[in-house]
Amino acid sequence: MQVHTDPCSLNLIRPSVSIGIFDGVHRGHQNLIARLKSLAAQTQSQTLVITFWPHPRIVLGKAGPEFKLLNSLEEKTDLLRNIGIDHFLIVQFTREFAGQSPDQFLDNFVNKCIKPGIITVGDDLRFGAGGSGNLELLIKSGKSNGFEVVRLETHTENEERISSTRIRNCLLNGDLSAANNLLGYPYFITGQVVRGNRIGNTIGFPTANIECPDTFKQIPSDGVYAVTVEWNGTPYKGMLNIGIRPTLDDHSHKTIEVHLFDVSDDLYDQKLRVHFIFRLRDEMKFNSLEELRKQLAVDRKVSMELLEKY
């Protein structure tokens, strides 16, 4: 997959295009992209997925303190690469770009730079200033500029629309199984290992403290998870805790700590990608470090059994 940042230097011949935020690249997005790839194969064209970064809500000041994203830009790029897209265009989203009328967006961006052969869209399509552009206007432009518009119905699960918001709510509510089902893959975070207080070493469960560089990254709810971890291209099994470590009476900040099974290396400053496979339990306060150690031994055994079956 080729990654582009300049719309008007693409130089593609009537590509098959899909435009959107694609936060999470969830099953709804995957359905749209599968249709895009099918149409591209029929027309012998290349696939082009277009997204905007930073997220429009952030640029327009509509992202409150609770606003989070399922993917960093790097994570989104990796997901699309794995799906098998030919080209991925990342458009820098600015207030000036957002201020274009729907006609200006179509004339200056779609028809001048992209020159699509086909555009696949969902049924919630909006574009231009204030989201005032709609499907009817896009079809009209397509007839004038030689591209076809293919509209897909919303992808649903249990008669409810699959959306990034729905998935974020599942993660926040501790329903990891539902979130992973809607995503079509285990949710993951990417971060760097930072120095901790090394309490885990004293009770036989050394942990790596992970810090996510992206402020807007959605972190799952507090609790203990069975996870797989990518480190230097190699997968490892482990368990992870998110929370305030109540047993240590350290409520100053929330931590993300992962214990890798059968790994004794110093992971400080290393980049890890953690995939959340199962949620085991809520975070708990124990009366002593010994009680904590016994529970961690149980968590490790359960995690290893679940991950072995997975």
C-alpha atoms as a PDB file:
ATOM      1  CA  MET A   1       0.000   0.000   0.000  1.00  0.00           C
ATOM      2  CA  GLN A   2       1.298   3.438  -0.942  1.00  0.00           C
ATOM      3  CA  VAL A   3       0.662   6.258   1.523  1.00  0.00           C
ATOM      4  CA  HIS A   4       0.130   9.787   0.161  1.00  0.00           C
ATOM      5  CA  THR A   5      -0.274  13.206   1.755  1.00  0.00           C
ATOM      6  CA  ASP A   6      -0.623  15.448  -1.324  1.00  0.00           C
ATOM      7  CA  PRO A   7      -4.031  14.986  -3.024  1.00  0.00           C
ATOM      8  CA  CYS A   8      -3.059  16.645  -6.275  1.00  0.00           C
ATOM      9  CA  SER A   9       0.063  14.563  -6.860  1.00  0.00           C
ATOM     10  CA  LEU A  10      -1.712  11.197  -6.884  1.00  0.00           C
ATOM     11  CA  ASN A  11      -1.680  10.810 -10.656  1.00  0.00           C
ATOM     12  CA  LEU A  12      -4.058   7.825 -10.582  1.00  0.00           C
ATOM     13  CA  ILE A  13      -6.273   6.879 -13.497  1.00  0.00           C
ATOM     14  CA  ARG A  14      -9.931   6.848 -12.400  1.00  0.00           C
ATOM     15  CA  PRO A  15      -9.360   5.049  -9.086  1.00  0.00           C
ATOM     16  CA  SER A  16     -12.079   3.361  -7.053  1.00  0.00           C
ATOM     17  CA  VAL A  17     -12.425   5.603  -4.015  1.00  0.00           C
ATOM     18  CA  SER A  18     -13.876   5.626  -0.529  1.00  0.00           C
ATOM     19  CA  ILE A  19     -13.734   8.727   1.686  1.00  0.00           C
ATOM     20  CA  GLY A  20     -14.215   8.871   5.446  1.00  0.00           C
ATOM     21  CA  ILE A  21     -12.704   8.993   8.924  1.00  0.00           C
ATOM     22  CA  PHE A  22     -12.539   5.176   9.297  1.00  0.00           C
ATOM     23  CA  ASP A  23     -11.900   5.331  13.051  1.00  0.00           C
ATOM     24  CA  GLY A  24     -11.421   1.741  14.164  1.00  0.00           C
ATOM     25  CA  VAL A  25     -11.594   0.336  10.612  1.00  0.00           C
ATOM     26  CA  HIS A  26     -14.423  -1.760  12.061  1.00  0.00           C
ATOM     27  CA  ARG A  27     -16.677  -4.317  10.349  1.00  0.00           C
ATOM     28  CA  GLY A  28     -18.851  -1.594   8.837  1.00  0.00           C
ATOM     29  CA  HIS A  29     -15.774  -0.002   7.261  1.00  0.00           C
ATOM     30  CA  GLN A  30     -14.481  -3.419   6.237  1.00  0.00           C
ATOM     31  CA  ASN A  31     -17.758  -4.125   4.440  1.00  0.00           C
ATOM     32  CA  LEU A  32     -17.462  -0.848   2.545  1.00  0.00           C
ATOM     33  CA  ILE A  33     -13.843  -1.522   1.608  1.00  0.00           C
ATOM     34  CA  ALA A  34     -14.639  -5.077   0.495  1.00  0.00           C
ATOM     35  CA  ARG A  35     -17.220  -3.630  -1.890  1.00  0.00           C
ATOM     36  CA  LEU A  36     -14.665  -1.073  -3.039  1.00  0.00           C
ATOM     37  CA  LYS A  37     -12.129  -3.800  -3.822  1.00  0.00           C
ATOM     38  CA  SER A  38     -14.763  -5.804  -5.709  1.00  0.00           C
ATOM     39  CA  LEU A  39     -15.687  -2.821  -7.869  1.00  0.00           C
ATOM     40  CA  ALA A  40     -12.020  -2.055  -8.500  1.00  0.00           C
ATOM     41  CA  ALA A  41     -11.447  -5.614  -9.682  1.00  0.00           C
ATOM     42  CA  GLN A  42     -14.397  -5.342 -12.068  1.00  0.00           C
ATOM     43  CA  THR A  43     -13.151  -2.064 -13.554  1.00  0.00           C
ATOM     44  CA  GLN A  44      -9.443  -2.983 -13.348  1.00  0.00           C
ATOM     45  CA  SER A  45      -8.769   0.155 -11.327  1.00  0.00           C
ATOM     46  CA  GLN A  46      -6.759   0.807  -8.188  1.00  0.00           C
ATOM     47  CA  THR A  47      -8.310   1.271  -4.765  1.00  0.00           C
ATOM     48  CA  LEU A  48      -7.888   4.568  -2.944  1.00  0.00           C
ATOM     49  CA  VAL A  49      -9.023   5.196   0.640  1.00  0.00           C
ATOM     50  CA  ILE A  50      -9.053   8.836   1.756  1.00  0.00           C
ATOM     51  CA  THR A  51      -9.130  10.027   5.353  1.00  0.00           C
ATOM     52  CA  PHE A  52      -8.672  13.339   7.162  1.00  0.00           C
ATOM     53  CA  TRP A  53      -6.206  14.020   9.964  1.00  0.00           C
ATOM     54  CA  PRO A  54      -6.349  15.401  12.603  1.00  0.00           C
ATOM     55  CA  HIS A  55      -9.926  14.344  13.313  1.00  0.00           C
ATOM     56  CA  PRO A  56     -12.335  17.131  12.220  1.00  0.00           C
ATOM     57  CA  ARG A  57     -13.861  17.423  15.698  1.00  0.00           C
ATOM     58  CA  ILE A  58     -10.437  18.186  17.153  1.00  0.00           C
ATOM     59  CA  VAL A  59      -9.656  20.845  14.527  1.00  0.00           C
ATOM     60  CA  LEU A  60     -13.073  22.479  14.863  1.00  0.00           C
ATOM     61  CA  GLY A  61     -12.929  22.581  18.660  1.00  0.00           C
ATOM     62  CA  LYS A  62     -15.784  20.100  19.076  1.00  0.00           C
ATOM     63  CA  ALA A  63     -13.725  17.470  20.887  1.00  0.00           C
ATOM     64  CA  GLY A  64     -14.482  17.697  24.579  1.00  0.00           C
ATOM     65  CA  PRO A  65     -12.418  16.049  27.322  1.00  0.00           C
ATOM     66  CA  GLU A  66     -14.302  12.780  26.870  1.00  0.00           C
ATOM     67  CA  PHE A  67     -13.655  12.563  23.116  1.00  0.00           C
ATOM     68  CA  LYS A  68     -11.463   9.593  22.189  1.00  0.00           C
ATOM     69  CA  LEU A  69     -10.407   7.720  19.061  1.00  0.00           C
ATOM     70  CA  LEU A  70     -10.088   3.993  18.470  1.00  0.00           C
ATOM     71  CA  ASN A  71      -6.976   4.394  16.320  1.00  0.00           C
ATOM     72  CA  SER A  72      -3.927   6.569  16.100  1.00  0.00           C
ATOM     73  CA  LEU A  73      -3.005   7.484  12.528  1.00  0.00           C
ATOM     74  CA  GLU A  74      -0.258   4.849  12.573  1.00  0.00           C
ATOM     75  CA  GLU A  75      -2.680   2.164  13.741  1.00  0.00           C
ATOM     76  CA  LYS A  76      -5.275   3.102  11.124  1.00  0.00           C
ATOM     77  CA  THR A  77      -2.620   2.966   8.412  1.00  0.00           C
ATOM     78  CA  ASP A  78      -1.525  -0.508   9.538  1.00  0.00           C
ATOM     79  CA  LEU A  79      -5.106  -1.802   9.544  1.00  0.00           C
ATOM     80  CA  LEU A  80      -5.768  -0.547   6.015  1.00  0.00           C
ATOM     81  CA  ARG A  81      -2.466  -1.980   4.830  1.00  0.00           C
ATOM     82  CA  ASN A  82      -3.487  -5.387   6.196  1.00  0.00           C
ATOM     83  CA  ILE A  83      -6.816  -5.184   4.335  1.00  0.00           C
ATOM     84  CA  GLY A  84      -4.955  -4.783   1.058  1.00  0.00           C
ATOM     85  CA  ILE A  85      -5.683  -1.254  -0.163  1.00  0.00           C
ATOM     86  CA  ASP A  86      -3.571   0.012  -3.067  1.00  0.00           C
ATOM     87  CA  HIS A  87      -3.382   3.668  -1.995  1.00  0.00           C
ATOM     88  CA  PHE A  88      -4.099   5.539   1.229  1.00  0.00           C
ATOM     89  CA  LEU A  89      -4.390   9.330   1.116  1.00  0.00           C
ATOM     90  CA  ILE A  90      -4.097  11.280   4.392  1.00  0.00           C
ATOM     91  CA  VAL A  91      -5.487  14.786   3.925  1.00  0.00           C
ATOM     92  CA  GLN A  92      -4.440  17.416   6.444  1.00  0.00           C
ATOM     93  CA  PHE A  93      -7.680  18.707   7.897  1.00  0.00           C
ATOM     94  CA  THR A  94      -7.717  22.441   8.611  1.00  0.00           C
ATOM     95  CA  ARG A  95     -10.359  25.053   9.325  1.00  0.00           C
ATOM     96  CA  GLU A  96      -9.830  26.374   5.819  1.00  0.00           C
ATOM     97  CA  PHE A  97     -10.473  22.952   4.324  1.00  0.00           C
ATOM     98  CA  ALA A  98     -13.541  22.555   6.531  1.00  0.00           C
ATOM     99  CA  GLY A  99     -14.880  25.925   5.367  1.00  0.00           C
ATOM    100  CA  GLN A 100     -15.304  24.825   1.749  1.00  0.00           C
ATOM    101  CA  SER A 101     -18.858  24.640   0.493  1.00  0.00           C
ATOM    102  CA  PRO A 102     -19.985  21.246  -0.834  1.00  0.00           C
ATOM    103  CA  ASP A 103     -19.514  22.503  -4.419  1.00  0.00           C
ATOM    104  CA  GLN A 104     -16.015  23.760  -3.627  1.00  0.00           C
ATOM    105  CA  PHE A 105     -15.140  20.432  -1.998  1.00  0.00           C
ATOM    106  CA  LEU A 106     -16.288  18.567  -5.085  1.00  0.00           C
ATOM    107  CA  ASP A 107     -14.686  20.932  -7.609  1.00  0.00           C
ATOM    108  CA  ASN A 108     -11.379  21.660  -5.858  1.00  0.00           C
ATOM    109  CA  PHE A 109     -10.756  18.337  -4.186  1.00  0.00           C
ATOM    110  CA  VAL A 110     -12.710  15.445  -5.696  1.00  0.00           C
ATOM    111  CA  ASN A 111     -12.831  16.426  -9.364  1.00  0.00           C
ATOM    112  CA  LYS A 112      -9.589  18.395  -9.656  1.00  0.00           C
ATOM    113  CA  CYS A 113      -7.263  16.190  -7.578  1.00  0.00           C
ATOM    114  CA  ILE A 114      -8.810  12.749  -7.115  1.00  0.00           C
ATOM    115  CA  LYS A 115     -10.561  12.252 -10.485  1.00  0.00           C
ATOM    116  CA  PRO A 116     -12.377   9.085  -9.337  1.00  0.00           C
ATOM    117  CA  GLY A 117     -13.967   6.441 -11.503  1.00  0.00           C
ATOM    118  CA  ILE A 118     -16.138   5.112  -8.680  1.00  0.00           C
ATOM    119  CA  ILE A 119     -16.878   6.408  -5.179  1.00  0.00           C
ATOM    120  CA  THR A 120     -18.389   4.045  -2.601  1.00  0.00           C
ATOM    121  CA  VAL A 121     -20.212   5.736   0.267  1.00  0.00           C
ATOM    122  CA  GLY A 122     -22.231   4.826   3.325  1.00  0.00           C
ATOM    123  CA  ASP A 123     -25.768   6.049   3.873  1.00  0.00           C
ATOM    124  CA  ASP A 124     -24.612   8.673   6.400  1.00  0.00           C
ATOM    125  CA  LEU A 125     -22.576  10.643   3.848  1.00  0.00           C
ATOM    126  CA  ARG A 126     -22.059  14.350   4.568  1.00  0.00           C
ATOM    127  CA  PHE A 127     -19.405  16.715   3.202  1.00  0.00           C
ATOM    128  CA  GLY A 128     -18.600  20.415   2.867  1.00  0.00           C
ATOM    129  CA  ALA A 129     -19.046  23.221   5.402  1.00  0.00           C
ATOM    130  CA  GLY A 130     -21.444  22.236   8.156  1.00  0.00           C
ATOM    131  CA  GLY A 131     -21.916  18.811   6.565  1.00  0.00           C
ATOM    132  CA  SER A 132     -24.376  20.339   4.113  1.00  0.00           C
ATOM    133  CA  GLY A 133     -23.340  18.179   1.146  1.00  0.00           C
ATOM    134  CA  ASN A 134     -25.283  14.962   0.617  1.00  0.00           C
ATOM    135  CA  LEU A 135     -25.616  11.895  -1.596  1.00  0.00           C
ATOM    136  CA  GLU A 136     -27.842  13.666  -4.134  1.00  0.00           C
ATOM    137  CA  LEU A 137     -25.236  16.360  -4.740  1.00  0.00           C
ATOM    138  CA  LEU A 138     -22.447  13.778  -5.070  1.00  0.00           C
ATOM    139  CA  ILE A 139     -24.432  11.795  -7.657  1.00  0.00           C
ATOM    140  CA  LYS A 140     -25.118  14.989  -9.605  1.00  0.00           C
ATOM    141  CA  SER A 141     -21.403  15.788  -9.641  1.00  0.00           C
ATOM    142  CA  GLY A 142     -20.615  12.241 -10.732  1.00  0.00           C
ATOM    143  CA  LYS A 143     -22.874  12.522 -13.763  1.00  0.00           C
ATOM    144  CA  SER A 144     -21.146  15.762 -14.779  1.00  0.00           C
ATOM    145  CA  ASN A 145     -17.596  14.547 -14.131  1.00  0.00           C
ATOM    146  CA  GLY A 146     -17.689  10.930 -15.203  1.00  0.00           C
ATOM    147  CA  PHE A 147     -17.686   8.979 -11.958  1.00  0.00           C
ATOM    148  CA  GLU A 148     -20.174   6.496 -10.521  1.00  0.00           C
ATOM    149  CA  VAL A 149     -21.497   6.633  -6.960  1.00  0.00           C
ATOM    150  CA  VAL A 150     -22.226   3.344  -5.206  1.00  0.00           C
ATOM    151  CA  ARG A 151     -24.161   3.628  -1.942  1.00  0.00           C
ATOM    152  CA  LEU A 152     -24.049   0.869   0.671  1.00  0.00           C
ATOM    153  CA  GLU A 153     -26.594   0.281   3.392  1.00  0.00           C
ATOM    154  CA  THR A 154     -25.476   0.647   6.991  1.00  0.00           C
ATOM    155  CA  HIS A 155     -23.839  -2.497   8.377  1.00  0.00           C
ATOM    156  CA  THR A 156     -25.680  -3.612  11.513  1.00  0.00           C
ATOM    157  CA  GLU A 157     -25.264  -6.065  14.376  1.00  0.00           C
ATOM    158  CA  ASN A 158     -28.410  -7.096  16.277  1.00  0.00           C
ATOM    159  CA  GLU A 159     -30.351  -4.463  14.302  1.00  0.00           C
ATOM    160  CA  GLU A 160     -28.072  -1.679  15.594  1.00  0.00           C
ATOM    161  CA  ARG A 161     -25.633   0.257  13.458  1.00  0.00           C
ATOM    162  CA  ILE A 162     -21.965  -0.670  13.830  1.00  0.00           C
ATOM    163  CA  SER A 163     -20.198   2.573  14.656  1.00  0.00           C
ATOM    164  CA  SER A 164     -17.024   3.829  16.282  1.00  0.00           C
ATOM    165  CA  THR A 165     -19.114   5.405  19.057  1.00  0.00           C
ATOM    166  CA  ARG A 166     -20.825   2.100  19.823  1.00  0.00           C
ATOM    167  CA  ILE A 167     -17.443   0.348  20.039  1.00  0.00           C
ATOM    168  CA  ARG A 168     -15.985   3.027  22.307  1.00  0.00           C
ATOM    169  CA  ASN A 169     -18.950   2.628  24.654  1.00  0.00           C
ATOM    170  CA  CYS A 170     -18.410  -1.138  24.774  1.00  0.00           C
ATOM    171  CA  LEU A 171     -14.764  -0.615  25.740  1.00  0.00           C
ATOM    172  CA  LEU A 172     -15.682   1.894  28.431  1.00  0.00           C
ATOM    173  CA  ASN A 173     -18.354  -0.418  29.849  1.00  0.00           C
ATOM    174  CA  GLY A 174     -15.978  -3.364  30.083  1.00  0.00           C
ATOM    175  CA  ASP A 175     -17.656  -5.337  27.287  1.00  0.00           C
ATOM    176  CA  LEU A 176     -14.470  -6.250  25.436  1.00  0.00           C
ATOM    177  CA  SER A 177     -16.089  -9.255  23.735  1.00  0.00           C
ATOM    178  CA  ALA A 178     -18.734  -7.055  22.089  1.00  0.00           C
ATOM    179  CA  ALA A 179     -16.154  -4.448  21.084  1.00  0.00           C
ATOM    180  CA  ASN A 180     -13.910  -7.053  19.457  1.00  0.00           C
ATOM    181  CA  ASN A 181     -16.883  -8.575  17.664  1.00  0.00           C
ATOM    182  CA  LEU A 182     -17.889  -5.208  16.192  1.00  0.00           C
ATOM    183  CA  LEU A 183     -14.303  -4.422  15.238  1.00  0.00           C
ATOM    184  CA  GLY A 184     -13.688  -7.784  13.624  1.00  0.00           C
ATOM    185  CA  TYR A 185     -10.330  -8.051  15.424  1.00  0.00           C
ATOM    186  CA  PRO A 186      -9.018  -7.665  19.004  1.00  0.00           C
ATOM    187  CA  TYR A 187      -8.768  -4.048  20.104  1.00  0.00           C
ATOM    188  CA  PHE A 188      -5.205  -2.848  20.523  1.00  0.00           C
ATOM    189  CA  ILE A 189      -3.101   0.013  21.808  1.00  0.00           C
ATOM    190  CA  THR A 190       0.427   1.041  20.843  1.00  0.00           C
ATOM    191  CA  GLY A 191       2.793   2.622  23.316  1.00  0.00           C
ATOM    192  CA  GLN A 192       6.266   2.938  24.738  1.00  0.00           C
ATOM    193  CA  VAL A 193       7.542   1.318  27.928  1.00  0.00           C
ATOM    194  CA  VAL A 194       8.414   3.859  30.641  1.00  0.00           C
ATOM    195  CA  ARG A 195       9.995   3.489  34.071  1.00  0.00           C
ATOM    196  CA  GLY A 196       7.714   2.290  36.884  1.00  0.00           C
ATOM    197  CA  ASN A 197       8.192   1.670  40.604  1.00  0.00           C
ATOM    198  CA  ARG A 198       9.137  -1.992  39.945  1.00  0.00           C
ATOM    199  CA  ILE A 199       6.845  -3.320  42.704  1.00  0.00           C
ATOM    200  CA  GLY A 200       5.931  -6.227  40.415  1.00  0.00           C
ATOM    201  CA  ASN A 201       9.519  -7.476  40.508  1.00  0.00           C
ATOM    202  CA  THR A 202       9.366  -7.927  44.282  1.00  0.00           C
ATOM    203  CA  ILE A 203       6.369 -10.303  44.072  1.00  0.00           C
ATOM    204  CA  GLY A 204       7.451 -12.277  41.012  1.00  0.00           C
ATOM    205  CA  PHE A 205       5.365 -10.455  38.395  1.00  0.00           C
ATOM    206  CA  PRO A 206       7.562  -7.847  36.680  1.00  0.00           C
ATOM    207  CA  THR A 207       5.556  -5.475  34.519  1.00  0.00           C
ATOM    208  CA  ALA A 208       6.228  -3.026  31.723  1.00  0.00           C
ATOM    209  CA  ASN A 209       4.475   0.328  32.159  1.00  0.00           C
ATOM    210  CA  ILE A 210       3.041   1.446  28.837  1.00  0.00           C
ATOM    211  CA  GLU A 211       2.489   5.070  27.914  1.00  0.00           C
ATOM    212  CA  CYS A 212       0.350   5.876  24.870  1.00  0.00           C
ATOM    213  CA  PRO A 213       1.676   8.959  23.052  1.00  0.00           C
ATOM    214  CA  ASP A 214      -1.707   9.828  21.529  1.00  0.00           C
ATOM    215  CA  THR A 215      -3.787  11.860  23.989  1.00  0.00           C
ATOM    216  CA  PHE A 216      -7.031  10.980  22.222  1.00  0.00           C
ATOM    217  CA  LYS A 217      -6.469   7.207  22.196  1.00  0.00           C
ATOM    218  CA  GLN A 218      -9.346   5.254  23.779  1.00  0.00           C
ATOM    219  CA  ILE A 219      -8.117   3.122  26.683  1.00  0.00           C
ATOM    220  CA  PRO A 220     -10.358   0.209  27.734  1.00  0.00           C
ATOM    221  CA  SER A 221     -12.042   0.247  31.144  1.00  0.00           C
ATOM    222  CA  ASP A 222     -10.025  -0.414  34.288  1.00  0.00           C
ATOM    223  CA  GLY A 223      -9.430  -4.083  34.962  1.00  0.00           C
ATOM    224  CA  VAL A 224      -7.277  -7.132  34.228  1.00  0.00           C
ATOM    225  CA  TYR A 225      -6.964  -8.532  30.716  1.00  0.00           C
ATOM    226  CA  ALA A 226      -5.422 -11.509  28.934  1.00  0.00           C
ATOM    227  CA  VAL A 227      -3.429 -10.035  26.065  1.00  0.00           C
ATOM    228  CA  THR A 228      -1.027 -10.748  23.258  1.00  0.00           C
ATOM    229  CA  VAL A 229       1.839  -8.335  22.703  1.00  0.00           C
ATOM    230  CA  GLU A 230       3.836  -7.552  19.584  1.00  0.00           C
ATOM    231  CA  TRP A 231       7.448  -6.664  20.313  1.00  0.00           C
ATOM    232  CA  ASN A 232      10.002  -6.329  17.514  1.00  0.00           C
ATOM    233  CA  GLY A 233       7.714  -8.294  15.208  1.00  0.00           C
ATOM    234  CA  THR A 234       7.328 -11.235  17.608  1.00  0.00           C
ATOM    235  CA  PRO A 235       4.075 -12.072  19.455  1.00  0.00           C
ATOM    236  CA  TYR A 236       4.070 -12.826  23.177  1.00  0.00           C
ATOM    237  CA  LYS A 237       1.351 -13.792  25.634  1.00  0.00           C
ATOM    238  CA  GLY A 238       0.677 -11.911  28.818  1.00  0.00           C
ATOM    239  CA  MET A 239      -1.746 -10.237  31.178  1.00  0.00           C
ATOM    240  CA  LEU A 240      -2.352  -6.549  31.718  1.00  0.00           C
ATOM    241  CA  ASN A 241      -3.803  -4.267  34.367  1.00  0.00           C
ATOM    242  CA  ILE A 242      -5.364  -0.856  33.770  1.00  0.00           C
ATOM    243  CA  GLY A 243      -6.115   1.246  36.814  1.00  0.00           C
ATOM    244  CA  ILE A 244      -4.896   3.129  39.859  1.00  0.00           C
ATOM    245  CA  ARG A 245      -3.267   0.203  41.738  1.00  0.00           C
ATOM    246  CA  PRO A 246      -5.446   0.495  44.865  1.00  0.00           C
ATOM    247  CA  THR A 247      -3.431  -2.077  46.828  1.00  0.00           C
ATOM    248  CA  LEU A 248      -0.428   0.264  46.670  1.00  0.00           C
ATOM    249  CA  ASP A 249      -2.559   3.286  47.623  1.00  0.00           C
ATOM    250  CA  ASP A 250      -1.159   5.071  44.580  1.00  0.00           C
ATOM    251  CA  HIS A 251      -4.117   6.998  43.193  1.00  0.00           C
ATOM    252  CA  SER A 252      -2.059   9.755  41.586  1.00  0.00           C
ATOM    253  CA  HIS A 253      -2.592   8.551  38.039  1.00  0.00           C
ATOM    254  CA  LYS A 254      -3.855   5.639  35.997  1.00  0.00           C
ATOM    255  CA  THR A 255      -1.317   3.120  34.732  1.00  0.00           C
ATOM    256  CA  ILE A 256      -1.229   0.452  32.029  1.00  0.00           C
ATOM    257  CA  GLU A 257       1.019  -2.405  33.153  1.00  0.00           C
ATOM    258  CA  VAL A 258       1.654  -5.582  31.185  1.00  0.00           C
ATOM    259  CA  HIS A 259       3.310  -8.759  32.436  1.00  0.00           C
ATOM    260  CA  LEU A 260       4.705 -10.880  29.613  1.00  0.00           C
ATOM    261  CA  PHE A 261       4.872 -14.613  30.234  1.00  0.00           C
ATOM    262  CA  ASP A 262       8.349 -16.134  29.972  1.00  0.00           C
ATOM    263  CA  VAL A 263      10.045 -12.828  29.108  1.00  0.00           C
ATOM    264  CA  SER A 264      12.751 -11.501  31.407  1.00  0.00           C
ATOM    265  CA  ASP A 265      14.239  -8.797  29.150  1.00  0.00           C
ATOM    266  CA  ASP A 266      14.323  -5.165  30.218  1.00  0.00           C
ATOM    267  CA  LEU A 267      11.670  -3.563  28.009  1.00  0.00           C
ATOM    268  CA  TYR A 268      12.337   0.032  29.007  1.00  0.00           C
ATOM    269  CA  ASP A 269      11.929   2.439  26.078  1.00  0.00           C
ATOM    270  CA  GLN A 270      10.673  -0.356  23.813  1.00  0.00           C
ATOM    271  CA  LYS A 271       7.618   0.039  21.583  1.00  0.00           C
ATOM    272  CA  LEU A 272       4.855  -2.506  22.211  1.00  0.00           C
ATOM    273  CA  ARG A 273       1.494  -3.172  20.595  1.00  0.00           C
ATOM    274  CA  VAL A 274      -0.957  -4.792  22.994  1.00  0.00           C
ATOM    275  CA  HIS A 275      -3.985  -6.739  21.734  1.00  0.00           C
ATOM    276  CA  PHE A 276      -6.834  -7.157  24.242  1.00  0.00           C
ATOM    277  CA  ILE A 277      -8.150 -10.730  23.926  1.00  0.00           C
ATOM    278  CA  PHE A 278     -10.167 -11.382  27.117  1.00  0.00           C
ATOM    279  CA  ARG A 279     -11.248  -9.263  30.070  1.00  0.00           C
ATOM    280  CA  LEU A 280     -10.713 -11.270  33.259  1.00  0.00           C
ATOM    281  CA  ARG A 281     -11.986  -9.086  36.099  1.00  0.00           C
ATOM    282  CA  ASP A 282     -12.265  -5.616  37.616  1.00  0.00           C
ATOM    283  CA  GLU A 283      -9.306  -4.049  39.357  1.00  0.00           C
ATOM    284  CA  MET A 284      -9.342  -4.989  43.068  1.00  0.00           C
ATOM    285  CA  LYS A 285      -7.830  -3.739  46.321  1.00  0.00           C
ATOM    286  CA  PHE A 286      -6.035  -6.376  48.402  1.00  0.00           C
ATOM    287  CA  ASN A 287      -5.031  -6.234  52.064  1.00  0.00           C
ATOM    288  CA  SER A 288      -1.397  -7.070  51.358  1.00  0.00           C
ATOM    289  CA  LEU A 289       1.119  -7.645  48.586  1.00  0.00           C
ATOM    290  CA  GLU A 290       0.965 -11.358  49.373  1.00  0.00           C
ATOM    291  CA  GLU A 291      -2.790 -11.426  48.639  1.00  0.00           C
ATOM    292  CA  LEU A 292      -2.087  -9.527  45.430  1.00  0.00           C
ATOM    293  CA  ARG A 293       0.625 -12.045  44.484  1.00  0.00           C
ATOM    294  CA  LYS A 294      -1.762 -14.983  44.971  1.00  0.00           C
ATOM    295  CA  GLN A 295      -4.435 -13.356  42.829  1.00  0.00           C
ATOM    296  CA  LEU A 296      -1.905 -12.565  40.101  1.00  0.00           C
ATOM    297  CA  ALA A 297      -0.902 -16.231  40.073  1.00  0.00           C
ATOM    298  CA  VAL A 298      -4.551 -17.137  39.483  1.00  0.00           C
ATOM    299  CA  ASP A 299      -4.861 -14.471  36.767  1.00  0.00           C
ATOM    300  CA  ARG A 300      -1.745 -15.783  35.051  1.00  0.00           C
ATOM    301  CA  LYS A 301      -3.062 -19.378  35.044  1.00  0.00           C
ATOM    302  CA  VAL A 302      -6.461 -18.303  33.679  1.00  0.00           C
ATOM    303  CA  SER A 303      -4.853 -16.062  31.065  1.00  0.00           C
ATOM    304  CA  MET A 304      -2.527 -18.785  29.833  1.00  0.00           C
ATOM    305  CA  GLU A 305      -5.424 -21.244  29.523  1.00  0.00           C
ATOM    306  CA  LEU A 306      -7.629 -18.784  27.644  1.00  0.00           C
ATOM    307  CA  LEU A 307      -4.866 -17.630  25.335  1.00  0.00           C
ATOM    308  CA  GLU A 308      -3.838 -21.211  24.597  1.00  0.00           C
ATOM    309  CA  LYS A 309      -7.398 -21.987  23.445  1.00  0.00           C
ATOM    310  CA  TYR A 310      -7.590 -18.662  21.545  1.00  0.00           C
END
